[in-house]
N, C-alpha and C. Protein backbone atom coordinates (compact mmCIF):
# COMPACT_ATOMS: atom_id res chain seq x y z
N MET A 1 -71.09 -186.64 -37.18
CA MET A 1 -71.31 -188.07 -37.27
C MET A 1 -70.59 -188.57 -38.52
N THR A 2 -69.66 -189.45 -38.32
CA THR A 2 -68.84 -189.90 -39.44
C THR A 2 -69.35 -191.19 -40.05
N GLN A 3 -70.09 -191.98 -39.30
CA GLN A 3 -70.59 -193.25 -39.82
C GLN A 3 -72.04 -193.09 -40.27
N PRO A 4 -72.46 -193.88 -41.26
CA PRO A 4 -73.86 -193.80 -41.66
C PRO A 4 -74.75 -194.32 -40.53
N LEU A 5 -75.96 -193.82 -40.49
CA LEU A 5 -76.91 -194.23 -39.45
C LEU A 5 -77.41 -195.64 -39.72
N PRO A 6 -77.76 -196.36 -38.66
CA PRO A 6 -78.33 -197.70 -38.83
C PRO A 6 -79.63 -197.63 -39.64
N GLU A 7 -80.03 -198.75 -40.18
CA GLU A 7 -81.22 -198.82 -41.03
C GLU A 7 -82.48 -199.25 -40.27
N THR A 8 -82.30 -199.82 -39.08
CA THR A 8 -83.46 -200.35 -38.37
C THR A 8 -83.83 -199.46 -37.18
N ARG A 9 -85.12 -199.46 -36.86
CA ARG A 9 -85.61 -198.65 -35.75
C ARG A 9 -84.97 -199.05 -34.42
N PRO A 10 -84.89 -200.36 -34.08
CA PRO A 10 -84.26 -200.73 -32.81
C PRO A 10 -82.81 -200.25 -32.70
N ALA A 11 -82.06 -200.36 -33.78
CA ALA A 11 -80.67 -199.91 -33.76
C ALA A 11 -80.60 -198.38 -33.61
N LEU A 12 -81.50 -197.68 -34.27
CA LEU A 12 -81.54 -196.22 -34.14
C LEU A 12 -81.90 -195.80 -32.72
N LEU A 13 -82.85 -196.51 -32.10
CA LEU A 13 -83.23 -196.17 -30.74
C LEU A 13 -82.08 -196.41 -29.76
N ALA A 14 -81.33 -197.48 -29.97
CA ALA A 14 -80.18 -197.75 -29.12
C ALA A 14 -79.12 -196.66 -29.28
N LEU A 15 -78.86 -196.26 -30.52
CA LEU A 15 -77.90 -195.19 -30.78
C LEU A 15 -78.39 -193.87 -30.18
N HIS A 16 -79.68 -193.60 -30.29
CA HIS A 16 -80.29 -192.39 -29.73
C HIS A 16 -80.03 -192.33 -28.23
N ALA A 17 -80.25 -193.45 -27.53
CA ALA A 17 -80.03 -193.49 -26.09
C ALA A 17 -78.56 -193.25 -25.75
N GLU A 18 -77.67 -193.85 -26.54
CA GLU A 18 -76.23 -193.68 -26.31
C GLU A 18 -75.81 -192.22 -26.48
N VAL A 19 -76.30 -191.59 -27.54
CA VAL A 19 -75.92 -190.19 -27.81
C VAL A 19 -76.54 -189.27 -26.77
N ARG A 20 -77.76 -189.57 -26.32
CA ARG A 20 -78.37 -188.77 -25.24
C ARG A 20 -77.52 -188.82 -23.97
N ARG A 21 -77.02 -190.01 -23.64
CA ARG A 21 -76.15 -190.14 -22.46
C ARG A 21 -74.88 -189.31 -22.64
N ARG A 22 -74.32 -189.31 -23.85
CA ARG A 22 -73.13 -188.52 -24.13
C ARG A 22 -73.43 -187.02 -23.99
N ARG A 23 -74.61 -186.62 -24.45
CA ARG A 23 -75.00 -185.20 -24.34
C ARG A 23 -75.16 -184.82 -22.86
N GLU A 24 -75.72 -185.72 -22.07
CA GLU A 24 -75.92 -185.42 -20.64
C GLU A 24 -74.59 -185.25 -19.91
N ARG A 25 -73.55 -185.93 -20.35
CA ARG A 25 -72.22 -185.82 -19.71
C ARG A 25 -71.46 -184.57 -20.19
N ALA A 26 -71.85 -184.02 -21.32
CA ALA A 26 -71.13 -182.88 -21.90
C ALA A 26 -71.52 -181.58 -21.19
N ALA A 27 -70.61 -180.62 -21.24
CA ALA A 27 -70.87 -179.30 -20.67
C ALA A 27 -71.93 -178.59 -21.51
N LEU A 28 -72.91 -178.04 -20.83
CA LEU A 28 -74.00 -177.35 -21.50
C LEU A 28 -73.45 -176.24 -22.40
N GLY A 29 -73.82 -176.29 -23.68
CA GLY A 29 -73.39 -175.27 -24.62
C GLY A 29 -72.03 -175.51 -25.24
N GLY A 30 -71.30 -176.51 -24.77
CA GLY A 30 -69.98 -176.80 -25.32
C GLY A 30 -70.08 -177.49 -26.67
N SER A 31 -68.92 -177.64 -27.31
CA SER A 31 -68.93 -178.24 -28.66
C SER A 31 -69.39 -179.70 -28.63
N ASP A 32 -69.02 -180.45 -27.58
CA ASP A 32 -69.49 -181.84 -27.48
C ASP A 32 -71.00 -181.89 -27.31
N TYR A 33 -71.53 -180.96 -26.54
CA TYR A 33 -72.98 -180.88 -26.33
C TYR A 33 -73.69 -180.58 -27.65
N ARG A 34 -73.19 -179.60 -28.38
CA ARG A 34 -73.81 -179.22 -29.66
C ARG A 34 -73.72 -180.36 -30.67
N GLN A 35 -72.57 -181.04 -30.71
CA GLN A 35 -72.43 -182.15 -31.64
C GLN A 35 -73.42 -183.26 -31.31
N ALA A 36 -73.58 -183.57 -30.03
CA ALA A 36 -74.53 -184.60 -29.63
C ALA A 36 -75.95 -184.19 -30.01
N CYS A 37 -76.29 -182.91 -29.83
CA CYS A 37 -77.62 -182.42 -30.22
C CYS A 37 -77.87 -182.61 -31.72
N GLU A 38 -76.86 -182.32 -32.51
CA GLU A 38 -76.99 -182.49 -33.96
C GLU A 38 -77.16 -183.97 -34.33
N GLU A 39 -76.42 -184.84 -33.65
CA GLU A 39 -76.55 -186.27 -33.93
C GLU A 39 -77.93 -186.78 -33.52
N ILE A 40 -78.42 -186.31 -32.38
CA ILE A 40 -79.76 -186.72 -31.93
C ILE A 40 -80.80 -186.29 -32.96
N ALA A 41 -80.68 -185.09 -33.47
CA ALA A 41 -81.63 -184.61 -34.47
C ALA A 41 -81.59 -185.48 -35.73
N ALA A 42 -80.39 -185.83 -36.19
CA ALA A 42 -80.27 -186.67 -37.38
C ALA A 42 -80.86 -188.05 -37.15
N ILE A 43 -80.65 -188.59 -35.96
CA ILE A 43 -81.21 -189.90 -35.63
C ILE A 43 -82.73 -189.83 -35.61
N GLU A 44 -83.28 -188.78 -35.02
CA GLU A 44 -84.73 -188.63 -34.95
C GLU A 44 -85.35 -188.48 -36.34
N VAL A 45 -84.67 -187.78 -37.23
CA VAL A 45 -85.16 -187.66 -38.61
C VAL A 45 -85.18 -189.04 -39.27
N GLN A 46 -84.13 -189.82 -39.07
CA GLN A 46 -84.07 -191.16 -39.66
C GLN A 46 -85.17 -192.06 -39.10
N ILE A 47 -85.44 -191.96 -37.80
CA ILE A 47 -86.53 -192.74 -37.18
C ILE A 47 -87.85 -192.35 -37.82
N ALA A 48 -88.08 -191.06 -38.00
CA ALA A 48 -89.33 -190.59 -38.62
C ALA A 48 -89.46 -191.10 -40.05
N ARG A 49 -88.37 -191.14 -40.79
CA ARG A 49 -88.42 -191.66 -42.17
C ARG A 49 -88.85 -193.13 -42.18
N ILE A 50 -88.32 -193.89 -41.24
CA ILE A 50 -88.67 -195.31 -41.17
C ILE A 50 -90.14 -195.49 -40.79
N GLU A 51 -90.63 -194.66 -39.88
CA GLU A 51 -91.98 -194.81 -39.37
C GLU A 51 -93.04 -194.30 -40.33
N GLN A 52 -92.70 -193.37 -41.21
CA GLN A 52 -93.67 -192.83 -42.15
C GLN A 52 -93.92 -193.81 -43.29
N PRO A 53 -95.19 -193.97 -43.68
CA PRO A 53 -95.46 -194.82 -44.84
C PRO A 53 -94.89 -194.18 -46.10
N GLN A 54 -94.50 -195.03 -47.03
CA GLN A 54 -93.98 -194.55 -48.31
C GLN A 54 -95.05 -193.76 -49.04
N GLN A 55 -94.72 -192.59 -49.54
CA GLN A 55 -95.66 -191.76 -50.28
C GLN A 55 -95.21 -191.64 -51.72
N ASP A 56 -96.19 -191.64 -52.62
CA ASP A 56 -95.89 -191.43 -54.03
C ASP A 56 -95.52 -189.96 -54.24
N PRO A 57 -94.61 -189.68 -55.17
CA PRO A 57 -94.28 -188.29 -55.46
C PRO A 57 -95.49 -187.57 -56.04
N PRO A 58 -95.56 -186.25 -55.88
CA PRO A 58 -96.68 -185.50 -56.44
C PRO A 58 -96.82 -185.73 -57.94
N GLY A 59 -98.02 -185.93 -58.40
CA GLY A 59 -98.28 -186.13 -59.81
C GLY A 59 -98.20 -187.57 -60.26
N ALA A 60 -97.75 -188.47 -59.38
CA ALA A 60 -97.65 -189.89 -59.74
C ALA A 60 -99.06 -190.50 -59.67
N PRO A 61 -99.34 -191.46 -60.56
CA PRO A 61 -100.65 -192.11 -60.49
C PRO A 61 -100.81 -192.86 -59.17
N ALA A 62 -102.01 -192.85 -58.65
CA ALA A 62 -102.27 -193.52 -57.37
C ALA A 62 -102.19 -195.03 -57.57
N ALA A 63 -101.66 -195.69 -56.57
CA ALA A 63 -101.59 -197.17 -56.61
C ALA A 63 -103.00 -197.74 -56.44
N PRO A 64 -103.30 -198.85 -57.12
CA PRO A 64 -104.64 -199.43 -56.95
C PRO A 64 -104.84 -199.92 -55.53
N SER A 65 -106.07 -199.83 -55.07
CA SER A 65 -106.41 -200.32 -53.74
C SER A 65 -106.39 -201.84 -53.73
N PRO A 66 -106.00 -202.44 -52.60
CA PRO A 66 -106.04 -203.89 -52.53
C PRO A 66 -107.47 -204.40 -52.74
N GLY A 67 -107.61 -205.41 -53.55
CA GLY A 67 -108.93 -205.99 -53.82
C GLY A 67 -109.70 -205.23 -54.89
N ALA A 68 -109.08 -204.24 -55.51
CA ALA A 68 -109.79 -203.47 -56.54
C ALA A 68 -109.60 -204.09 -57.90
């Protein structure tokens, strides 16, 4: 993958669908198939990053609760 991944979930999902279609057209086990699999994995990791709430690094003071 030569271009950076999109920043938004909808754009990532659209790219995910496009790359899945490319993987389905590729010969099983071929280099195009493997490349598409790697791109799908990278897209899925980026989607997970967006969906996960931001976490403080270990040892950082906890943020105050709203209304506290």
